[in-house]
């Protein structure tokens, strides 16, 4: 019995030792996990603060660059020319609400209101930097007919109201943005972006500051909010981390393999032409409804026959040095489809998209010549479209565009308004046409903010003697408003989606029949 009792006692001690060791190990692992969790949590808050700080600094810098450019101009203050340039700068800027001009010491016009009935006194700035820039903090400002509190940057004869980001509703962080006067110890709160409903004295804090410009972003997350929001995360941290990491690794590997497979198939398709077809987006003269041209669009299906969206395979081709092959394939197919048709209809235009990379290829001019011009197609019937997002202010590629324009080919800037080109780019590059991105056309009939800029874009095009094509027209009212702006040509689902060759030729024939039947005496 004693031996058995001893054995039981020894087994009991072993069991308790195992439990204690297991418990200690569990608490140690939980403690390490919690420490790591809060370190990562705070690191994420610091990253968010730095990201928000960089956004605010970039917005200030954008306003500063715009104001310096405007001050360098010689045009009279608030003249039509100056207002046009101010509005263009405000339109091109990503984060400027309004720009005002001063003469002398008082604001006399803005991009939103035009020339003011009475000069407006901006007041005394709270901060003046070493460069002489004036900053008005939380100052009532006249904009678009309403008074609102704003932070204003004033340089020379102009000021700008930057549009700063706002935190999403429902967050759990208190975010404060402050500006410190370098000449004193004063700090001015620019924005308190969110205040939790239940303030807690205990909190996790993070901050990011720029010592040169005195801008700081601080983030405070109450412990109570962490406990409420992260309890489930803490409970499943171990299992979720292992499972999620394995799943994420698997998905990443699959995505990488999918991209690798797509690239391999794309190389093969570009070499053989298999899987590629052309669709044609008709261009309509909205004055009479005639089909006056078409844009050639590449379509590709992978080895399984699944269509791959252009916004997937075109960037893939650009990133891997294959875009010139893609352009060559489009030129060859379009030539095969429409060369004789173009020779028979001298007023019909064929638009072909090219990449900035194509401008470095000597074969581009030769392909256009051998595929079209040598067969009697008039140079003016071929329009090369260069996307604005790939356009820079550098002279790279300009020599090629100049030669093509000298030959008589049209050069269009595509998707205008989505990139970063300047007025100088539009003036210096040999563009003949400006294609307005669909985002400026949608909502024109309900007063959308972006659509309200459409008249200014059309005015810019006319000033530079560029023909205008509006993309993405979907409603009769959009067409009517474009007619009021004297826009002549348009594309969009109102007229036709992108179609195959047979459907394009059928559409042209129907338009010609409708025009003939509408002609008196026909």
Protein backbone atom coordinates (compact mmCIF):
# COMPACT_ATOMS: atom_id res chain seq x y z
CA UNK A 1 0.00 0.00 0.00
CA UNK A 2 2.81 2.34 0.87
CA UNK A 3 4.46 1.61 -2.44
CA UNK A 4 1.21 2.28 -4.26
CA UNK A 5 0.62 5.49 -2.21
CA UNK A 6 4.11 6.59 -3.07
CA UNK A 7 3.50 5.88 -6.69
CA UNK A 8 0.25 7.87 -6.59
CA UNK A 9 1.96 10.70 -4.74
CA UNK A 10 4.80 10.71 -7.22
CA UNK A 11 2.36 10.69 -10.13
CA UNK A 12 0.47 13.54 -8.47
CA UNK A 13 3.65 15.58 -8.07
CA UNK A 14 4.60 14.87 -11.65
CA UNK A 15 1.11 15.95 -12.75
CA UNK A 16 1.29 19.17 -10.74
CA UNK A 17 4.79 19.91 -11.99
CA UNK A 18 3.58 19.39 -15.52
CA UNK A 19 0.60 21.65 -14.92
CA UNK A 20 2.75 24.33 -13.32
CA UNK A 21 5.32 24.13 -16.10
CA UNK A 22 2.57 24.18 -18.70
CA UNK A 23 0.82 27.06 -16.94
CA UNK A 24 4.02 29.06 -16.62
CA UNK A 25 4.84 28.44 -20.24
CA UNK A 26 1.30 29.45 -21.24
CA UNK A 27 1.46 32.69 -19.21
CA UNK A 28 4.91 33.41 -20.60
CA UNK A 29 3.72 32.89 -24.15
CA UNK A 30 0.59 34.98 -23.52
CA UNK A 31 2.72 37.73 -21.97
CA UNK A 32 5.13 37.72 -24.90
CA UNK A 33 2.18 37.71 -27.29
CA UNK A 34 0.61 40.69 -25.50
CA UNK A 35 3.87 42.62 -25.51
CA UNK A 36 4.31 41.92 -29.20
CA UNK A 37 0.67 42.76 -29.86
CA UNK A 38 0.86 46.17 -28.21
CA UNK A 39 4.23 46.89 -29.82
CA UNK A 40 2.72 46.13 -33.20
CA UNK A 41 -0.40 48.09 -32.32
CA UNK A 42 1.61 51.16 -31.40
CA UNK A 43 3.87 50.69 -34.41
CA UNK A 44 0.76 50.73 -36.55
CA UNK A 45 -0.43 53.91 -34.83
CA UNK A 46 2.98 55.54 -35.43
CA UNK A 47 2.79 54.49 -39.06
CA UNK A 48 -0.71 55.99 -39.32
CA UNK A 49 0.53 59.22 -37.74
CA UNK A 50 3.50 59.39 -40.13
CA UNK A 51 1.26 58.64 -43.11
CA UNK A 52 -1.18 61.36 -42.11
CA UNK A 53 1.70 63.77 -41.44
CA UNK A 54 3.17 63.10 -44.88
CA UNK A 55 -0.25 63.68 -46.43
CA UNK A 56 -0.60 67.04 -44.71
CA UNK A 57 2.97 68.04 -45.63
CA UNK A 58 2.38 67.04 -49.25
CA UNK A 59 -0.82 69.08 -49.30
CA UNK A 60 0.97 72.13 -47.88
CA UNK A 61 3.80 71.67 -50.42
CA UNK A 62 1.35 71.36 -53.29
CA UNK A 63 -0.32 74.63 -52.28
CA UNK A 64 3.10 76.29 -51.90
CA UNK A 65 4.22 75.20 -55.39
CA UNK A 66 0.98 76.40 -56.97
CA UNK A 67 1.19 79.81 -55.26
CA UNK A 68 4.84 80.28 -56.26
CA UNK A 69 3.98 79.47 -59.88
CA UNK A 70 1.12 81.98 -59.86
CA UNK A 71 3.32 84.69 -58.33
CA UNK A 72 5.82 84.19 -61.17
CA UNK A 73 3.21 85.15 -63.79
CA UNK A 74 3.05 88.64 -65.28
CA UNK A 75 -0.66 88.68 -66.08
CA UNK A 76 -2.72 91.39 -64.32
CA UNK A 77 -4.42 90.30 -61.14
CA UNK A 78 -7.94 88.89 -61.74
CA UNK A 79 -7.74 89.42 -65.48
CA UNK A 80 -9.58 86.75 -67.54
CA UNK A 81 -6.22 85.23 -68.42
CA UNK A 82 -5.13 85.09 -64.77
CA UNK A 83 -8.46 83.63 -63.62
CA UNK A 84 -8.19 80.97 -66.30
CA UNK A 85 -4.72 79.99 -65.09
CA UNK A 86 -5.83 80.05 -61.42
CA UNK A 87 -8.76 77.76 -62.21
CA UNK A 88 -6.55 75.43 -64.19
CA UNK A 89 -4.09 75.23 -61.29
CA UNK A 90 -6.95 74.53 -58.85
CA UNK A 91 -8.33 71.89 -61.20
CA UNK A 92 -4.95 70.18 -61.64
CA UNK A 93 -4.21 70.22 -57.91
CA UNK A 94 -5.36 67.22 -55.91
CA UNK A 95 -5.93 69.04 -52.62
CA UNK A 96 -6.84 72.70 -53.17
CA UNK A 97 -10.37 73.93 -52.51
CA UNK A 98 -9.96 77.49 -53.78
CA UNK A 99 -7.36 80.07 -54.79
CA UNK A 100 -7.66 83.80 -54.12
CA UNK A 101 -5.82 86.78 -55.59
CA UNK A 102 -5.00 90.03 -53.73
CA UNK A 103 -4.69 93.69 -54.80
CA UNK A 104 -3.40 95.43 -52.69
CA UNK A 105 -3.68 93.57 -49.40
CA UNK A 106 -7.28 92.50 -49.96
CA UNK A 107 -8.70 89.57 -51.87
CA UNK A 108 -10.40 90.68 -55.07
CA UNK A 109 -11.17 87.40 -56.85
CA UNK A 110 -11.24 83.61 -56.33
CA UNK A 111 -11.39 80.60 -58.61
CA UNK A 112 -14.81 79.69 -57.24
CA UNK A 113 -16.51 83.11 -57.24
CA UNK A 114 -14.56 85.00 -59.89
CA UNK A 115 -14.19 88.75 -59.29
CA UNK A 116 -15.65 89.66 -55.88
CA UNK A 117 -18.23 92.47 -55.61
CA UNK A 118 -16.16 93.97 -52.78
CA UNK A 119 -12.57 93.33 -51.73
CA UNK A 120 -12.31 90.87 -48.82
CA UNK A 121 -10.01 91.40 -45.83
CA UNK A 122 -8.25 88.17 -44.94
CA UNK A 123 -7.19 89.34 -41.50
CA UNK A 124 -3.95 88.91 -39.56
CA UNK A 125 -2.13 85.59 -39.93
CA UNK A 126 -1.39 83.54 -36.84
CA UNK A 127 1.97 82.34 -38.20
CA UNK A 128 4.55 83.96 -40.48
CA UNK A 129 7.40 81.66 -41.56
CA UNK A 130 11.02 82.64 -42.15
CA UNK A 131 10.33 82.72 -45.90
CA UNK A 132 7.54 85.22 -45.33
CA UNK A 133 4.72 82.76 -45.94
CA UNK A 134 1.57 83.61 -43.98
CA UNK A 135 -0.59 80.92 -42.41
CA UNK A 136 -4.09 81.63 -41.16
CA UNK A 137 -5.34 78.94 -38.78
CA UNK A 138 -9.05 78.15 -38.38
CA UNK A 139 -9.95 81.41 -40.06
CA UNK A 140 -13.41 82.18 -41.47
CA UNK A 141 -13.03 82.31 -45.23
CA UNK A 142 -15.32 83.29 -48.08
CA UNK A 143 -15.60 80.37 -50.48
CA UNK A 144 -18.33 79.45 -52.93
CA UNK A 145 -20.74 81.84 -51.29
CA UNK A 146 -20.40 80.33 -47.79
CA UNK A 147 -18.31 81.14 -44.74
CA UNK A 148 -16.36 78.25 -43.30
CA UNK A 149 -13.39 77.79 -41.03
CA UNK A 150 -10.23 76.93 -42.94
CA UNK A 151 -6.44 76.84 -42.79
CA UNK A 152 -5.11 79.23 -45.43
CA UNK A 153 -1.65 79.56 -46.95
CA UNK A 154 -0.81 83.04 -48.28
CA UNK A 155 2.25 83.73 -50.45
CA UNK A 156 2.75 87.03 -52.25
CA UNK A 157 -0.32 88.05 -54.24
CA UNK A 158 -2.23 84.78 -53.79
CA UNK A 159 -3.61 82.47 -51.15
CA UNK A 160 -4.88 78.90 -51.27
CA UNK A 161 -7.24 76.86 -49.14
CA UNK A 162 -5.78 73.34 -48.89
CA UNK A 163 -8.22 70.45 -48.64
CA UNK A 164 -6.99 68.25 -45.81
CA UNK A 165 -8.07 64.62 -45.22
CA UNK A 166 -10.72 63.70 -42.72
CA UNK A 167 -10.82 60.60 -40.56
CA UNK A 168 -13.48 58.02 -41.31
CA UNK A 169 -16.48 58.04 -38.98
CA UNK A 170 -16.66 55.31 -36.39
CA UNK A 171 -12.94 55.12 -35.61
CA UNK A 172 -11.56 54.56 -32.13
CA UNK A 173 -8.61 56.95 -32.26
CA UNK A 174 -8.49 60.58 -31.20
CA UNK A 175 -6.40 62.31 -33.86
CA UNK A 176 -5.08 65.84 -33.43
CA UNK A 177 -3.13 67.86 -36.00
CA UNK A 178 -1.28 70.92 -34.74
CA UNK A 179 1.00 73.57 -36.20
CA UNK A 180 3.76 75.09 -34.06
CA UNK A 181 4.94 78.65 -34.63
CA UNK A 182 8.74 78.50 -35.12
CA UNK A 183 9.05 82.04 -33.71
CA UNK A 184 7.31 81.26 -30.42
CA UNK A 185 6.15 78.40 -28.24
CA UNK A 186 2.57 78.68 -29.47
CA UNK A 187 0.81 75.69 -31.01
CA UNK A 188 -2.37 75.92 -33.06
CA UNK A 189 -4.75 72.99 -33.44
CA UNK A 190 -5.60 72.63 -37.11
CA UNK A 191 -8.02 69.75 -36.74
CA UNK A 192 -9.31 67.35 -34.12
CA UNK A 193 -10.33 64.57 -36.47
CA UNK A 194 -12.14 62.23 -34.07
CA UNK A 195 -12.96 62.18 -30.34
CA UNK A 196 -14.05 58.84 -28.78
CA UNK A 197 -17.48 58.85 -27.14
CA UNK A 198 -16.08 57.49 -23.86
CA UNK A 199 -12.83 59.28 -22.98
CA UNK A 200 -10.44 57.12 -20.98
CA UNK A 201 -7.54 58.39 -18.93
CA UNK A 202 -5.50 55.31 -19.84
CA UNK A 203 -4.52 55.20 -23.46
CA UNK A 204 -1.92 54.13 -26.00
CA UNK A 205 -0.30 57.15 -27.66
CA UNK A 206 1.74 57.81 -30.78
CA UNK A 207 2.91 60.93 -32.61
CA UNK A 208 4.84 62.06 -35.67
CA UNK A 209 6.28 65.56 -36.16
CA UNK A 210 8.18 67.55 -38.76
CA UNK A 211 10.59 69.80 -36.86
CA UNK A 212 11.34 72.00 -39.87
CA UNK A 213 7.77 72.99 -40.64
CA UNK A 214 6.40 72.55 -37.13
CA UNK A 215 3.58 70.20 -38.09
CA UNK A 216 2.60 67.40 -35.69
CA UNK A 217 0.07 64.57 -35.78
CA UNK A 218 -0.80 62.82 -32.51
CA UNK A 219 -2.95 59.71 -32.12
CA UNK A 220 -4.51 58.57 -28.83
CA UNK A 221 -6.26 55.19 -28.51
CA UNK A 222 -8.10 54.58 -25.17
CA UNK A 223 -7.48 51.24 -23.44
CA UNK A 224 -11.21 50.66 -23.21
CA UNK A 225 -11.50 50.94 -26.98
CA UNK A 226 -8.60 48.54 -27.43
CA UNK A 227 -10.22 46.02 -25.10
CA UNK A 228 -13.58 46.31 -26.88
CA UNK A 229 -12.23 46.23 -30.40
CA UNK A 230 -9.33 43.82 -30.03
CA UNK A 231 -10.67 41.18 -27.62
CA UNK A 232 -11.52 38.79 -30.41
CA UNK A 233 -8.16 39.45 -32.04
CA UNK A 234 -6.33 38.70 -28.80
CA UNK A 235 -8.29 35.48 -28.33
CA UNK A 236 -7.56 34.17 -31.80
CA UNK A 237 -4.09 35.66 -32.19
CA UNK A 238 -2.17 32.41 -32.09
CA UNK A 239 -4.47 30.24 -34.18
CA UNK A 240 -5.46 33.11 -36.46
CA UNK A 241 -1.84 34.13 -36.97
CA UNK A 242 -0.74 30.63 -37.91
CA UNK A 243 -3.76 29.94 -40.08
CA UNK A 244 -3.86 33.42 -41.63
CA UNK A 245 -0.13 33.42 -42.28
CA UNK A 246 -0.33 30.06 -43.99
CA UNK A 247 -3.36 31.16 -46.02
CA UNK A 248 -1.79 34.49 -46.94
CA UNK A 249 1.42 32.75 -47.99
CA UNK A 250 -0.59 30.32 -50.09
CA UNK A 251 -2.63 33.10 -51.72
CA UNK A 252 0.49 35.19 -52.35
CA UNK A 253 2.20 32.21 -53.94
CA UNK A 254 -0.89 31.54 -56.06
CA UNK A 255 -1.11 35.19 -57.11
CA UNK A 256 2.58 35.22 -58.00
CA UNK A 257 2.21 32.00 -59.96
CA UNK A 258 -0.88 33.38 -61.69
CA UNK A 259 0.98 36.54 -62.67
CA UNK A 260 3.97 34.47 -63.83
CA UNK A 261 1.67 32.22 -65.86
CA UNK A 262 -0.12 35.22 -67.36
CA UNK A 263 3.20 36.80 -68.35
CA UNK A 264 4.37 33.58 -69.97
CA UNK A 265 1.10 33.25 -71.90
CA UNK A 266 1.21 36.94 -72.87
CA UNK A 267 4.72 36.57 -74.30
CA UNK A 268 3.61 33.57 -76.34
CA UNK A 269 0.42 35.27 -77.54
CA UNK A 270 2.31 38.39 -78.61
CA UNK A 271 4.76 36.21 -80.55
CA UNK A 272 2.05 34.19 -82.32
CA UNK A 273 -0.94 36.54 -82.25
CA UNK A 274 -3.12 33.80 -80.72
CA UNK A 275 -5.75 34.95 -78.25
CA UNK A 276 -5.73 38.56 -79.46
CA UNK A 277 -8.64 40.29 -81.17
CA UNK A 278 -9.52 43.92 -81.84
CA UNK A 279 -12.65 45.72 -80.77
CA UNK A 280 -13.56 49.13 -82.17
CA UNK A 281 -15.14 51.94 -80.15
CA UNK A 282 -17.08 54.13 -82.61
CA UNK A 283 -16.54 57.91 -82.60
CA UNK A 284 -19.72 59.85 -83.37
CA UNK A 285 -20.25 63.37 -84.72
CA UNK A 286 -22.99 64.36 -82.29
CA UNK A 287 -24.24 67.16 -84.52
CA UNK A 288 -25.72 64.72 -87.03
CA UNK A 289 -25.09 61.24 -85.62
CA UNK A 290 -22.54 60.14 -88.22
CA UNK A 291 -19.87 57.60 -87.30
CA UNK A 292 -16.69 59.49 -88.21
CA UNK A 293 -14.05 57.24 -86.70
CA UNK A 294 -13.18 54.40 -84.35
CA UNK A 295 -10.66 53.63 -81.63
CA UNK A 296 -8.88 50.28 -81.97
CA UNK A 297 -8.84 48.41 -78.63
CA UNK A 298 -6.86 45.23 -77.92
CA UNK A 299 -8.70 42.29 -76.37
CA UNK A 300 -6.91 39.18 -75.06
CA UNK A 301 -7.97 35.78 -73.74
CA UNK A 302 -5.55 33.47 -71.90
CA UNK A 303 -4.90 29.84 -72.80
CA UNK A 304 -8.15 28.73 -71.18
CA UNK A 305 -10.14 31.19 -73.25
CA UNK A 306 -10.85 33.43 -70.26
CA UNK A 307 -10.85 37.14 -71.20
CA UNK A 308 -8.15 39.13 -69.38
CA UNK A 309 -9.13 42.78 -68.72
CA UNK A 310 -6.99 45.39 -70.53
CA UNK A 311 -6.18 47.07 -67.21
CA UNK A 312 -4.43 43.80 -66.29
CA UNK A 313 -2.57 42.75 -69.43
CA UNK A 314 -1.60 46.23 -70.69
CA UNK A 315 0.28 47.20 -67.47
CA UNK A 316 1.78 43.70 -67.47
CA UNK A 317 3.10 44.32 -70.98
CA UNK A 318 4.43 47.77 -70.02
CA UNK A 319 6.20 46.49 -66.91
CA UNK A 320 7.96 43.70 -68.83
CA UNK A 321 9.03 45.54 -71.98
CA UNK A 322 6.33 43.98 -74.18
CA UNK A 323 4.16 47.00 -74.90
CA UNK A 324 5.83 47.75 -78.25
CA UNK A 325 4.96 44.24 -79.42
CA UNK A 326 1.37 44.85 -78.32
CA UNK A 327 1.27 48.16 -80.21
CA UNK A 328 2.73 46.48 -83.30
CA UNK A 329 0.09 43.74 -83.12
CA UNK A 330 -2.73 46.31 -82.86
CA UNK A 331 -1.33 48.27 -85.84
CA UNK A 332 -1.04 45.11 -87.93
CA UNK A 333 -4.56 43.88 -87.11
CA UNK A 334 -6.15 47.31 -87.60
CA UNK A 335 -4.38 47.67 -90.94
CA UNK A 336 -5.69 44.27 -92.07
CA UNK A 337 -9.22 45.15 -90.96
CA UNK A 338 -9.61 48.76 -92.11
CA UNK A 339 -6.92 49.72 -94.62
CA UNK A 340 -9.17 49.43 -97.70
CA UNK A 341 -12.09 50.98 -95.80
CA UNK A 342 -9.96 54.01 -94.88
CA UNK A 343 -8.88 54.48 -98.48
CA UNK A 344 -12.52 54.46 -99.56
CA UNK A 345 -13.68 56.90 -96.86
CA UNK A 346 -11.17 59.70 -96.58
CA UNK A 347 -12.94 61.44 -93.68
CA UNK A 348 -12.93 58.37 -91.40
CA UNK A 349 -10.40 58.40 -88.52
CA UNK A 350 -8.65 55.45 -86.91
CA UNK A 351 -7.34 56.05 -83.37
CA UNK A 352 -4.57 53.80 -82.08
CA UNK A 353 -3.33 53.82 -78.48
CA UNK A 354 0.42 53.99 -78.00
CA UNK A 355 2.62 53.96 -74.93
CA UNK A 356 5.38 56.40 -74.05
CA UNK A 357 7.73 53.40 -74.47
CA UNK A 358 6.73 53.18 -78.13
CA UNK A 359 8.26 56.60 -78.76
CA UNK A 360 11.70 55.07 -78.20
CA UNK A 361 11.13 52.39 -80.82
CA UNK A 362 12.38 53.14 -84.31
CA UNK A 363 9.89 50.59 -85.68
CA UNK A 364 6.85 52.71 -84.81
CA UNK A 365 7.20 55.12 -87.72
CA UNK A 366 8.15 52.31 -90.10
CA UNK A 367 5.13 50.20 -89.07
CA UNK A 368 2.72 53.08 -89.61
CA UNK A 369 4.24 53.79 -92.98
CA UNK A 370 4.28 50.21 -94.30
CA UNK A 371 0.90 49.26 -92.84
CA UNK A 372 -1.07 52.38 -93.75
CA UNK A 373 0.63 55.25 -95.58
CA UNK A 374 2.26 53.16 -98.33
CA UNK A 375 -1.18 51.76 -99.19
CA UNK A 376 -2.85 55.12 -99.76
CA UNK A 377 -4.25 55.87 -96.30
CA UNK A 378 -4.01 59.61 -95.67
CA UNK A 379 -1.78 60.46 -92.69
CA UNK A 380 -4.49 62.66 -91.13
CA UNK A 381 -6.74 59.57 -90.89
CA UNK A 382 -4.43 57.98 -88.32
CA UNK A 383 -4.58 59.45 -84.81
CA UNK A 384 -2.13 58.20 -82.17
CA UNK A 385 -3.44 58.41 -78.61
CA UNK A 386 -0.98 58.91 -75.75
CA UNK A 387 -2.41 58.49 -72.25
CA UNK A 388 -1.88 61.55 -70.03
CA UNK A 389 -0.77 59.37 -67.11
CA UNK A 390 2.32 58.36 -69.13
CA UNK A 391 3.12 61.91 -70.24
CA UNK A 392 5.86 63.91 -68.55
CA UNK A 393 7.13 67.44 -68.96
CA UNK A 394 10.44 66.10 -70.24
CA UNK A 395 11.43 66.26 -73.90
CA UNK A 396 11.83 62.48 -74.02
CA UNK A 397 9.86 61.16 -76.98
CA UNK A 398 8.90 64.62 -78.20
CA UNK A 399 11.19 64.34 -81.24
CA UNK A 400 9.31 61.22 -82.37
CA UNK A 401 5.95 62.92 -81.91
CA UNK A 402 7.20 65.97 -83.82
CA UNK A 403 8.26 63.77 -86.76
CA UNK A 404 4.94 61.93 -86.80
CA UNK A 405 3.04 65.21 -86.69
CA UNK A 406 5.18 66.60 -89.50
CA UNK A 407 4.16 63.58 -91.57
CA UNK A 408 0.54 64.67 -91.00
CA UNK A 409 -0.60 62.11 -88.41
CA UNK A 410 -2.88 63.25 -85.60
CA UNK A 411 -1.65 63.14 -81.99
CA UNK A 412 -4.22 62.95 -79.17
CA UNK A 413 -3.78 63.23 -75.43
CA UNK A 414 -6.03 60.50 -73.99
CA UNK A 415 -7.93 60.39 -70.67
CA UNK A 416 -7.23 64.08 -70.10
CA UNK A 417 -7.68 65.14 -66.49
CA UNK A 418 -6.48 61.88 -64.90
CA UNK A 419 -2.71 62.58 -65.03
CA UNK A 420 -0.30 65.36 -64.20
CA UNK A 421 0.36 67.18 -67.45
CA UNK A 422 0.69 70.96 -67.36
CA UNK A 423 -0.41 73.70 -69.71
CA UNK A 424 3.19 73.84 -70.91
CA UNK A 425 2.99 70.15 -71.89
CA UNK A 426 -0.18 70.71 -73.89
CA UNK A 427 1.42 73.68 -75.59
CA UNK A 428 4.85 72.20 -76.28
CA UNK A 429 3.86 68.72 -77.45
CA UNK A 430 2.38 68.53 -80.97
CA UNK A 431 -1.12 67.46 -79.90
CA UNK A 432 -4.00 67.90 -82.31
CA UNK A 433 -6.78 66.44 -80.17
CA UNK A 434 -7.79 66.26 -76.52
CA UNK A 435 -9.89 63.35 -75.28
CA UNK A 436 -11.77 64.22 -72.10
CA UNK A 437 -11.82 61.36 -69.59
CA UNK A 438 -15.21 59.82 -68.90
CA UNK A 439 -15.06 60.86 -65.23
CA UNK A 440 -15.61 64.49 -66.31
CA UNK A 441 -18.63 63.56 -68.44
CA UNK A 442 -20.47 61.37 -65.93
CA UNK A 443 -22.58 63.49 -63.63
CA UNK A 444 -22.57 66.53 -65.93
CA UNK A 445 -26.36 66.41 -65.84
CA UNK A 446 -26.62 66.47 -62.02
CA UNK A 447 -23.98 69.09 -61.22
CA UNK A 448 -21.18 66.78 -60.04
CA UNK A 449 -18.09 68.70 -58.92
CA UNK A 450 -15.71 67.09 -61.41
CA UNK A 451 -18.18 67.48 -64.27
CA UNK A 452 -18.47 71.20 -63.47
CA UNK A 453 -14.88 71.59 -64.70
CA UNK A 454 -15.82 70.40 -68.20
CA UNK A 455 -16.40 73.91 -69.64
CA UNK A 456 -12.92 74.96 -68.46
CA UNK A 457 -11.33 71.90 -70.11
CA UNK A 458 -13.13 72.65 -73.37
CA UNK A 459 -12.01 76.28 -73.11
CA UNK A 460 -8.39 75.15 -72.58
CA UNK A 461 -8.59 72.93 -75.67
CA UNK A 462 -9.97 75.74 -77.80
CA UNK A 463 -7.30 78.12 -76.57
CA UNK A 464 -4.66 75.63 -77.73
CA UNK A 465 -6.53 74.89 -81.01
CA UNK A 466 -7.14 71.24 -80.07
CA UNK A 467 -10.12 69.23 -81.30
CA UNK A 468 -12.17 67.71 -78.46
CA UNK A 469 -13.55 64.18 -78.09
CA UNK A 470 -15.70 63.41 -75.04
CA UNK A 471 -15.46 59.85 -73.71
CA UNK A 472 -18.04 57.87 -71.77
CA UNK A 473 -21.26 59.55 -72.96
CA UNK A 474 -24.21 57.50 -71.68
CA UNK A 475 -27.32 59.71 -71.61
CA UNK A 476 -29.15 62.03 -73.99
CA UNK A 477 -28.84 64.85 -71.46
CA UNK A 478 -25.05 64.44 -71.35
CA UNK A 479 -25.01 64.68 -75.14
CA UNK A 480 -27.22 67.78 -75.09
CA UNK A 481 -24.94 69.53 -72.60
CA UNK A 482 -21.90 68.64 -74.71
CA UNK A 483 -23.64 70.16 -77.72
CA UNK A 484 -24.18 73.35 -75.72
CA UNK A 485 -20.40 73.44 -75.16
CA UNK A 486 -19.96 72.97 -78.95
CA UNK A 487 -18.19 69.64 -78.52
CA UNK A 488 -18.40 67.89 -81.88
CA UNK A 489 -17.25 64.29 -81.36
CA UNK A 490 -17.98 61.77 -78.63
CA UNK A 491 -17.73 58.11 -77.66
CA UNK A 492 -19.81 56.06 -75.24
CA UNK A 493 -22.54 53.52 -74.64
CA UNK A 494 -25.18 56.01 -75.77
CA UNK A 495 -23.99 55.33 -79.30
CA UNK A 496 -22.34 51.91 -79.14
CA UNK A 497 -20.04 49.78 -76.97
CA UNK A 498 -16.76 48.54 -78.40
CA UNK A 499 -17.70 46.13 -81.20
CA UNK A 500 -16.11 43.77 -83.70
CA UNK A 501 -15.23 44.75 -87.26
CA UNK A 502 -18.50 43.55 -88.83
CA UNK A 503 -20.62 45.45 -86.33
CA UNK A 504 -18.53 48.59 -86.82
CA UNK A 505 -19.01 48.49 -90.61
CA UNK A 506 -22.71 47.83 -90.09
CA UNK A 507 -22.98 50.86 -87.78
CA UNK A 508 -21.21 53.07 -90.34
CA UNK A 509 -23.60 51.87 -93.07
CA UNK A 510 -26.67 52.55 -90.90
CA UNK A 511 -25.42 56.03 -90.06
CA UNK A 512 -24.86 56.77 -93.76
CA UNK A 513 -28.35 55.50 -94.62
CA UNK A 514 -29.91 57.64 -91.88
CA UNK A 515 -27.99 60.69 -93.10
CA UNK A 516 -29.05 60.06 -96.70
CA UNK A 517 -32.72 59.64 -95.77
CA UNK A 518 -32.62 62.85 -93.75
CA UNK A 519 -31.15 64.84 -96.65
CA UNK A 520 -33.84 66.86 -98.51
CA UNK A 521 -34.52 65.52 -101.99
CA UNK A 522 -33.03 62.09 -101.28
